[in-house]
C-alpha atoms as a PDB file:
ATOM      1  CA  MET A   1      -9.524 -47.566 -44.675  1.00  0.00           C
ATOM      2  CA  ASN A   2     -12.105 -47.615 -42.159  1.00  0.00           C
ATOM      3  CA  LYS A   3      -9.685 -46.830 -39.118  1.00  0.00           C
ATOM      4  CA  LYS A   4     -10.725 -45.378 -35.890  1.00  0.00           C
ATOM      5  CA  PHE A   5      -8.222 -43.329 -33.998  1.00  0.00           C
ATOM      6  CA  LYS A   6      -8.410 -42.693 -30.380  1.00  0.00           C
ATOM      7  CA  GLY A   7      -6.787 -39.643 -28.858  1.00  0.00           C
ATOM      8  CA  PHE A   8      -6.721 -35.937 -29.720  1.00  0.00           C
ATOM      9  CA  THR A   9      -5.096 -34.407 -32.883  1.00  0.00           C
ATOM     10  CA  LEU A  10      -2.428 -31.676 -32.374  1.00  0.00           C
ATOM     11  CA  ILE A  11      -5.007 -28.704 -33.476  1.00  0.00           C
ATOM     12  CA  GLU A  12      -7.133 -29.888 -30.492  1.00  0.00           C
ATOM     13  CA  LEU A  13      -4.519 -30.011 -28.279  1.00  0.00           C
ATOM     14  CA  LEU A  14      -3.491 -26.680 -29.372  1.00  0.00           C
ATOM     15  CA  VAL A  15      -6.897 -25.157 -29.257  1.00  0.00           C
ATOM     16  CA  VAL A  16      -6.759 -26.190 -25.562  1.00  0.00           C
ATOM     17  CA  VAL A  17      -3.431 -24.937 -24.712  1.00  0.00           C
ATOM     18  CA  ALA A  18      -4.686 -21.392 -26.002  1.00  0.00           C
ATOM     19  CA  ILE A  19      -7.814 -21.337 -24.188  1.00  0.00           C
ATOM     20  CA  ILE A  20      -6.058 -22.190 -21.014  1.00  0.00           C
ATOM     21  CA  GLY A  21      -3.364 -19.637 -21.714  1.00  0.00           C
ATOM     22  CA  THR A  22      -5.857 -16.908 -22.421  1.00  0.00           C
ATOM     23  CA  LEU A  23      -7.891 -17.848 -19.197  1.00  0.00           C
ATOM     24  CA  ALA A  24      -4.437 -17.822 -17.017  1.00  0.00           C
ATOM     25  CA  SER A  25      -3.670 -14.430 -18.389  1.00  0.00           C
ATOM     26  CA  VAL A  26      -6.695 -12.889 -17.520  1.00  0.00           C
ATOM     27  CA  GLY A  27      -6.891 -14.737 -14.178  1.00  0.00           C
ATOM     28  CA  VAL A  28      -3.108 -13.364 -13.245  1.00  0.00           C
ATOM     29  CA  TYR A  29      -4.236  -9.700 -14.069  1.00  0.00           C
ATOM     30  CA  SER A  30      -7.408  -9.790 -11.915  1.00  0.00           C
ATOM     31  CA  TYR A  31      -5.325 -11.388  -8.994  1.00  0.00           C
ATOM     32  CA  ASN A  32      -2.675  -8.572  -9.391  1.00  0.00           C
ATOM     33  CA  GLY A  33      -5.560  -6.039  -9.325  1.00  0.00           C
ATOM     34  CA  TYR A  34      -6.997  -7.553  -6.164  1.00  0.00           C
ATOM     35  CA  ILE A  35      -3.481  -7.782  -4.350  1.00  0.00           C
ATOM     36  CA  LYS A  36      -2.976  -4.189  -5.138  1.00  0.00           C
ATOM     37  CA  SER A  37      -6.682  -3.050  -3.616  1.00  0.00           C
ATOM     38  CA  SER A  38      -6.290  -5.039  -0.607  1.00  0.00           C
ATOM     39  CA  LYS A  39      -2.525  -3.694  -0.197  1.00  0.00           C
ATOM     40  CA  LYS A  40      -4.082  -0.101  -0.503  1.00  0.00           C
ATOM     41  CA  SER A  41      -6.914  -1.034   2.085  1.00  0.00           C
ATOM     42  CA  SER A  42      -4.216  -2.108   4.580  1.00  0.00           C
ATOM     43  CA  ALA A  43      -2.181   1.193   4.347  1.00  0.00           C
ATOM     44  CA  LYS A  44      -5.505   3.352   4.749  1.00  0.00           C
ATOM     45  CA  SER A  45      -6.301   1.213   7.859  1.00  0.00           C
ATOM     46  CA  THR A  46      -2.532   1.272   9.249  1.00  0.00           C
ATOM     47  CA  MET A  47      -2.753   5.332   8.637  1.00  0.00           C
ATOM     48  CA  MET A  48      -5.979   5.512  10.354  1.00  0.00           C
ATOM     49  CA  GLN A  49      -4.252   4.097  13.113  1.00  0.00           C
ATOM     50  CA  ILE A  50      -1.228   6.242  13.010  1.00  0.00           C
ATOM     51  CA  GLY A  51      -3.625   8.806  13.086  1.00  0.00           C
ATOM     52  CA  LEU A  52      -5.843   7.828  16.153  1.00  0.00           C
ATOM     53  CA  ALA A  53      -2.504   7.392  17.917  1.00  0.00           C
ATOM     54  CA  GLN A  54      -1.536  10.745  17.056  1.00  0.00           C
ATOM     55  CA  THR A  55      -4.622  12.112  18.589  1.00  0.00           C
ATOM     56  CA  GLU A  56      -3.891  10.171  22.003  1.00  0.00           C
ATOM     57  CA  PHE A  57      -0.425  11.498  21.790  1.00  0.00           C
ATOM     58  CA  TYR A  58      -1.678  14.833  21.517  1.00  0.00           C
ATOM     59  CA  SER A  59      -4.158  14.506  24.530  1.00  0.00           C
ATOM     60  CA  ASN A  60      -1.308  13.163  26.611  1.00  0.00           C
ATOM     61  CA  SER A  61       1.651  15.306  25.677  1.00  0.00           C
ATOM     62  CA  GLY A  62      -0.202  18.497  24.335  1.00  0.00           C
ATOM     63  CA  PHE A  63       1.768  18.424  20.744  1.00  0.00           C
ATOM     64  CA  TYR A  64       2.045  15.550  17.919  1.00  0.00           C
ATOM     65  CA  TRP A  65       4.588  13.017  17.245  1.00  0.00           C
ATOM     66  CA  PHE A  66       6.605  13.650  13.792  1.00  0.00           C
ATOM     67  CA  ASN A  67       9.321  11.597  12.315  1.00  0.00           C
ATOM     68  CA  GLY A  68      11.460  14.211  10.889  1.00  0.00           C
ATOM     69  CA  TYR A  69       9.429  15.901   7.772  1.00  0.00           C
ATOM     70  CA  ASP A  70       7.589  19.291   7.926  1.00  0.00           C
ATOM     71  CA  ASP A  71       5.991  21.284   5.628  1.00  0.00           C
ATOM     72  CA  ASP A  72       8.558  24.320   6.318  1.00  0.00           C
ATOM     73  CA  ASP A  73      11.154  23.067   3.665  1.00  0.00           C
ATOM     74  CA  ASP A  74       8.172  21.502   1.349  1.00  0.00           C
ATOM     75  CA  THR A  75       9.373  17.975   2.110  1.00  0.00           C
ATOM     76  CA  SER A  76       7.338  15.060   1.843  1.00  0.00           C
ATOM     77  CA  CYS A  77       7.966  11.322   2.043  1.00  0.00           C
ATOM     78  CA  SER A  78      10.242  10.270  -0.372  1.00  0.00           C
ATOM     79  CA  ALA A  79       9.961   6.552  -1.760  1.00  0.00           C
ATOM     80  CA  THR A  80      12.817   5.791   0.007  1.00  0.00           C
ATOM     81  CA  GLY A  81      11.592   7.386   3.198  1.00  0.00           C
ATOM     82  CA  SER A  82      11.311   5.817   6.649  1.00  0.00           C
ATOM     83  CA  LYS A  83       8.968   3.459   7.664  1.00  0.00           C
ATOM     84  CA  GLY A  84       7.163   6.012   9.755  1.00  0.00           C
ATOM     85  CA  ALA A  85       4.848   3.112  11.380  1.00  0.00           C
ATOM     86  CA  THR A  86       7.694   1.240  12.508  1.00  0.00           C
ATOM     87  CA  GLU A  87       9.238   4.587  13.893  1.00  0.00           C
ATOM     88  CA  ALA A  88       6.085   5.270  15.794  1.00  0.00           C
ATOM     89  CA  VAL A  89       6.233   1.925  17.515  1.00  0.00           C
ATOM     90  CA  GLY A  90       9.712   2.781  18.570  1.00  0.00           C
ATOM     91  CA  ALA A  91       8.821   5.970  19.716  1.00  0.00           C
ATOM     92  CA  GLY A  92       6.123   4.827  22.059  1.00  0.00           C
ATOM     93  CA  LEU A  93       3.505   6.392  19.763  1.00  0.00           C
ATOM     94  CA  PHE A  94       1.849   2.933  19.637  1.00  0.00           C
ATOM     95  CA  ASP A  95       1.615   0.514  22.684  1.00  0.00           C
ATOM     96  CA  ASN A  96       2.239  -2.310  20.470  1.00  0.00           C
ATOM     97  CA  ALA A  97       2.874  -2.945  16.684  1.00  0.00           C
ATOM     98  CA  LYS A  98      -0.119  -5.369  16.126  1.00  0.00           C
ATOM     99  CA  TYR A  99      -2.209  -2.836  13.453  1.00  0.00           C
ATOM    100  CA  ILE A 100       1.222  -2.521  11.713  1.00  0.00           C
ATOM    101  CA  ASP A 101       1.345  -5.189   8.772  1.00  0.00           C
ATOM    102  CA  PRO A 102       4.846  -5.128   7.270  1.00  0.00           C
ATOM    103  CA  ALA A 103       3.708  -6.727   3.935  1.00  0.00           C
ATOM    104  CA  ILE A 104       1.790  -4.118   2.391  1.00  0.00           C
ATOM    105  CA  ASP A 105       5.133  -2.596   1.249  1.00  0.00           C
ATOM    106  CA  PHE A 106       3.869   1.000   2.124  1.00  0.00           C
ATOM    107  CA  ASP A 107       6.440   3.598   3.607  1.00  0.00           C
ATOM    108  CA  PHE A 108       4.821   5.554   6.169  1.00  0.00           C
ATOM    109  CA  CYS A 109       5.589   8.992   7.516  1.00  0.00           C
ATOM    110  CA  VAL A 110       4.400  11.803   9.719  1.00  0.00           C
ATOM    111  CA  ILE A 111       4.585  15.450   8.133  1.00  0.00           C
ATOM    112  CA  GLU A 112       4.176  18.664  10.386  1.00  0.00           C
ATOM    113  CA  LYS A 113       1.849  20.789   8.763  1.00  0.00           C
ATOM    114  CA  GLY A 114       1.828  24.102  10.850  1.00  0.00           C
ATOM    115  CA  ALA A 115       0.022  22.961  14.378  1.00  0.00           C
ATOM    116  CA  ASN A 116      -1.167  19.792  12.731  1.00  0.00           C
ATOM    117  CA  PHE A 117      -0.336  16.610  10.661  1.00  0.00           C
ATOM    118  CA  GLU A 118      -0.268  14.724   7.703  1.00  0.00           C
ATOM    119  CA  ILE A 119       0.131  10.940   7.189  1.00  0.00           C
ATOM    120  CA  GLN A 120       1.520   9.855   3.786  1.00  0.00           C
ATOM    121  CA  ALA A 121       1.852   6.431   2.652  1.00  0.00           C
ATOM    122  CA  ILE A 122       4.013   5.717  -0.308  1.00  0.00           C
ATOM    123  CA  TYR A 123       4.343   2.539  -2.487  1.00  0.00           C
ATOM    124  CA  VAL A 124       6.943   2.306  -5.385  1.00  0.00           C
ATOM    125  CA  ASP A 125       6.115  -0.650  -7.755  1.00  0.00           C
ATOM    126  CA  PRO A 126       9.096  -2.744  -8.177  1.00  0.00           C
ATOM    127  CA  SER A 127       8.295  -3.208 -11.952  1.00  0.00           C
ATOM    128  CA  LYS A 128       7.747   0.285 -12.708  1.00  0.00           C
ATOM    129  CA  PRO A 129       9.797   2.597 -10.573  1.00  0.00           C
ATOM    130  CA  GLU A 130       8.163   5.702 -12.081  1.00  0.00           C
ATOM    131  CA  LYS A 131       4.626   4.711 -11.106  1.00  0.00           C
ATOM    132  CA  VAL A 132       4.504   5.960  -7.092  1.00  0.00           C
ATOM    133  CA  CYS A 133       1.170   5.337  -4.967  1.00  0.00           C
ATOM    134  CA  MET A 134       0.728   8.094  -2.818  1.00  0.00           C
ATOM    135  CA  LEU A 135      -1.997   8.244   0.110  1.00  0.00           C
ATOM    136  CA  LYS A 136      -2.384  11.163   2.138  1.00  0.00           C
ATOM    137  CA  LEU A 137      -4.582  11.475   5.544  1.00  0.00           C
ATOM    138  CA  ASP A 138      -4.754  14.615   7.554  1.00  0.00           C
ATOM    139  CA  ASP A 139      -5.488  15.146  11.056  1.00  0.00           C
ATOM    140  CA  LEU A 140      -9.211  15.745  10.126  1.00  0.00           C
ATOM    141  CA  GLY A 141      -9.358  12.364   8.973  1.00  0.00           C
ATOM    142  CA  SER A 142      -9.953  12.759   5.456  1.00  0.00           C
ATOM    143  CA  ILE A 143      -8.043  10.171   2.675  1.00  0.00           C
ATOM    144  CA  ASP A 144      -6.328  11.415  -0.443  1.00  0.00           C
ATOM    145  CA  ASP A 145      -5.948   8.379  -2.631  1.00  0.00           C
ATOM    146  CA  SER A 146      -5.923  10.154  -5.796  1.00  0.00           C
ATOM    147  CA  GLY A 147      -2.228   9.576  -6.256  1.00  0.00           C
ATOM    148  CA  CYS A 148      -2.966   5.779  -6.631  1.00  0.00           C
END
Protein backbone atom coordinates (compact mmCIF):
# COMPACT_ATOMS: atom_id res chain seq x y z
CA MET A 1 0.00 0.00 0.00
CA ASN A 2 2.77 2.38 -0.75
CA LYS A 3 1.05 4.56 -3.34
CA LYS A 4 2.38 7.98 -4.20
CA PHE A 5 -0.36 10.48 -4.95
CA LYS A 6 0.36 13.39 -7.21
CA GLY A 7 -1.74 16.49 -6.81
CA PHE A 8 -3.41 18.43 -4.03
CA THR A 9 -5.98 17.35 -1.50
CA LEU A 10 -9.31 19.09 -1.23
CA ILE A 11 -8.32 20.63 2.12
CA GLU A 12 -5.18 22.19 0.62
CA LEU A 13 -7.18 23.70 -2.22
CA LEU A 14 -9.79 25.10 0.20
CA VAL A 15 -7.07 26.70 2.33
CA VAL A 16 -5.53 28.35 -0.74
CA VAL A 17 -8.93 29.63 -1.90
CA ALA A 18 -9.64 31.04 1.59
CA ILE A 19 -6.29 32.85 1.67
CA ILE A 20 -6.81 34.32 -1.80
CA GLY A 21 -10.34 35.43 -0.85
CA THR A 22 -9.08 37.16 2.29
CA LEU A 23 -6.33 38.97 0.38
CA ALA A 24 -8.78 40.02 -2.34
CA SER A 25 -11.24 41.48 0.18
CA VAL A 26 -8.48 43.51 1.84
CA GLY A 27 -7.29 44.70 -1.58
CA VAL A 28 -10.75 45.81 -2.71
CA TYR A 29 -11.32 47.70 0.54
CA SER A 30 -7.98 49.54 0.16
CA TYR A 31 -8.66 50.25 -3.52
CA ASN A 32 -12.04 51.84 -2.72
CA GLY A 33 -10.37 54.03 -0.09
CA TYR A 34 -7.78 55.23 -2.60
CA ILE A 35 -10.49 55.98 -5.17
CA LYS A 36 -12.47 58.02 -2.63
CA SER A 37 -9.36 59.89 -1.58
CA SER A 38 -8.41 60.71 -5.17
CA LYS A 39 -11.92 61.96 -5.99
CA LYS A 40 -11.84 64.15 -2.90
CA SER A 41 -8.47 65.58 -3.98
CA SER A 42 -9.80 66.23 -7.48
CA ALA A 43 -12.83 68.01 -6.03
CA LYS A 44 -10.57 70.20 -3.88
CA SER A 45 -8.49 71.04 -6.93
CA THR A 46 -11.59 71.92 -8.96
CA MET A 47 -12.88 74.07 -6.10
CA MET A 48 -9.57 75.94 -6.03
CA GLN A 49 -9.82 76.48 -9.80
CA ILE A 50 -13.35 77.85 -9.41
CA GLY A 51 -12.10 80.09 -6.59
CA LEU A 52 -9.28 81.45 -8.76
CA ALA A 53 -11.70 82.00 -11.62
CA GLN A 54 -14.01 83.83 -9.19
CA THR A 55 -11.18 86.15 -8.21
CA GLU A 56 -10.38 86.87 -11.86
CA PHE A 57 -14.08 87.36 -12.65
CA TYR A 58 -14.36 89.81 -9.74
CA SER A 59 -11.30 91.71 -10.97
CA ASN A 60 -12.88 92.11 -14.42
CA SER A 61 -16.50 92.77 -13.45
CA GLY A 62 -16.53 94.06 -9.86
CA PHE A 63 -18.82 91.30 -8.58
CA TYR A 64 -18.70 87.54 -8.02
CA TRP A 65 -20.47 84.98 -10.20
CA PHE A 66 -23.13 82.86 -8.45
CA ASN A 67 -25.23 80.03 -9.78
CA GLY A 68 -28.46 80.78 -7.99
CA TYR A 69 -27.69 79.98 -4.35
CA ASP A 70 -27.46 82.59 -1.63
CA ASP A 71 -27.03 82.60 2.12
CA ASP A 72 -30.13 84.75 2.75
CA ASP A 73 -32.61 81.87 2.42
CA ASP A 74 -30.21 79.58 4.30
CA THR A 75 -29.88 77.43 1.22
CA SER A 76 -26.92 75.30 0.39
CA CYS A 77 -26.23 72.97 -2.49
CA SER A 78 -28.41 69.94 -2.34
CA ALA A 79 -27.22 66.50 -3.30
CA THR A 80 -29.25 66.91 -6.47
CA GLY A 81 -27.83 70.39 -7.00
CA SER A 82 -26.38 71.75 -10.13
CA LYS A 83 -23.04 71.01 -11.70
CA GLY A 84 -21.77 74.46 -10.79
CA ALA A 85 -18.43 73.95 -12.47
CA THR A 86 -20.16 73.10 -15.75
CA GLU A 87 -22.45 76.12 -15.39
CA ALA A 88 -19.43 78.30 -14.65
CA VAL A 89 -17.86 77.26 -17.94
CA GLY A 90 -21.10 78.01 -19.76
CA ALA A 91 -21.31 81.44 -18.12
CA GLY A 92 -17.81 82.32 -19.22
CA LEU A 93 -16.27 82.10 -15.75
CA PHE A 94 -13.64 79.78 -17.16
CA ASP A 95 -12.00 80.14 -20.54
CA ASN A 96 -12.16 76.39 -20.97
CA ALA A 97 -13.10 73.28 -19.04
CA LYS A 98 -9.71 71.61 -18.93
CA TYR A 99 -9.52 71.74 -15.12
CA ILE A 100 -12.94 70.22 -14.56
CA ASP A 101 -12.94 66.44 -14.34
CA PRO A 102 -16.48 65.07 -14.78
CA ALA A 103 -15.38 61.68 -13.43
CA ILE A 104 -15.06 62.89 -9.84
CA ASP A 105 -18.84 62.65 -9.24
CA PHE A 106 -19.13 65.83 -7.16
CA ASP A 107 -21.80 68.50 -7.64
CA PHE A 108 -20.40 72.02 -7.33
CA CYS A 109 -22.23 75.23 -6.53
CA VAL A 110 -21.19 78.76 -5.76
CA ILE A 111 -23.12 80.33 -2.88
CA GLU A 112 -23.44 84.03 -2.21
CA LYS A 113 -22.28 84.88 1.32
CA GLY A 114 -23.03 88.58 1.64
CA ALA A 115 -20.38 90.31 -0.48
CA ASN A 116 -18.30 87.12 -0.61
CA PHE A 117 -18.75 83.58 -1.89
CA GLU A 118 -18.49 79.99 -0.79
CA ILE A 119 -17.99 77.02 -3.11
CA GLN A 120 -19.51 73.71 -2.07
CA ALA A 121 -18.80 70.29 -3.51
CA ILE A 122 -21.20 67.49 -2.61
CA TYR A 123 -20.94 63.78 -3.28
CA VAL A 124 -23.61 61.24 -2.42
CA ASP A 125 -22.44 57.64 -2.31
CA PRO A 126 -24.88 55.63 -4.46
CA SER A 127 -24.49 52.59 -2.21
CA LYS A 128 -25.19 54.68 0.93
CA PRO A 129 -27.47 57.62 0.00
CA GLU A 130 -27.58 58.79 3.61
CA LYS A 131 -23.80 59.33 3.56
CA VAL A 132 -23.12 62.74 2.02
CA CYS A 133 -19.64 64.16 1.58
CA MET A 134 -19.50 67.97 1.57
CA LEU A 135 -16.42 70.11 0.95
CA LYS A 136 -16.48 73.89 1.37
CA LEU A 137 -14.11 76.57 0.10
CA ASP A 138 -14.57 80.19 1.12
CA ASP A 139 -13.36 83.31 -0.66
CA LEU A 140 -10.23 83.40 1.53
CA GLY A 141 -9.10 80.00 0.20
CA SER A 142 -9.69 77.89 3.30
CA ILE A 143 -11.12 74.43 2.68
CA ASP A 144 -13.40 72.71 5.17
CA ASP A 145 -13.48 68.97 4.54
CA SER A 146 -14.91 67.99 7.92
CA GLY A 147 -18.09 66.82 6.15
CA CYS A 148 -16.28 63.96 4.38
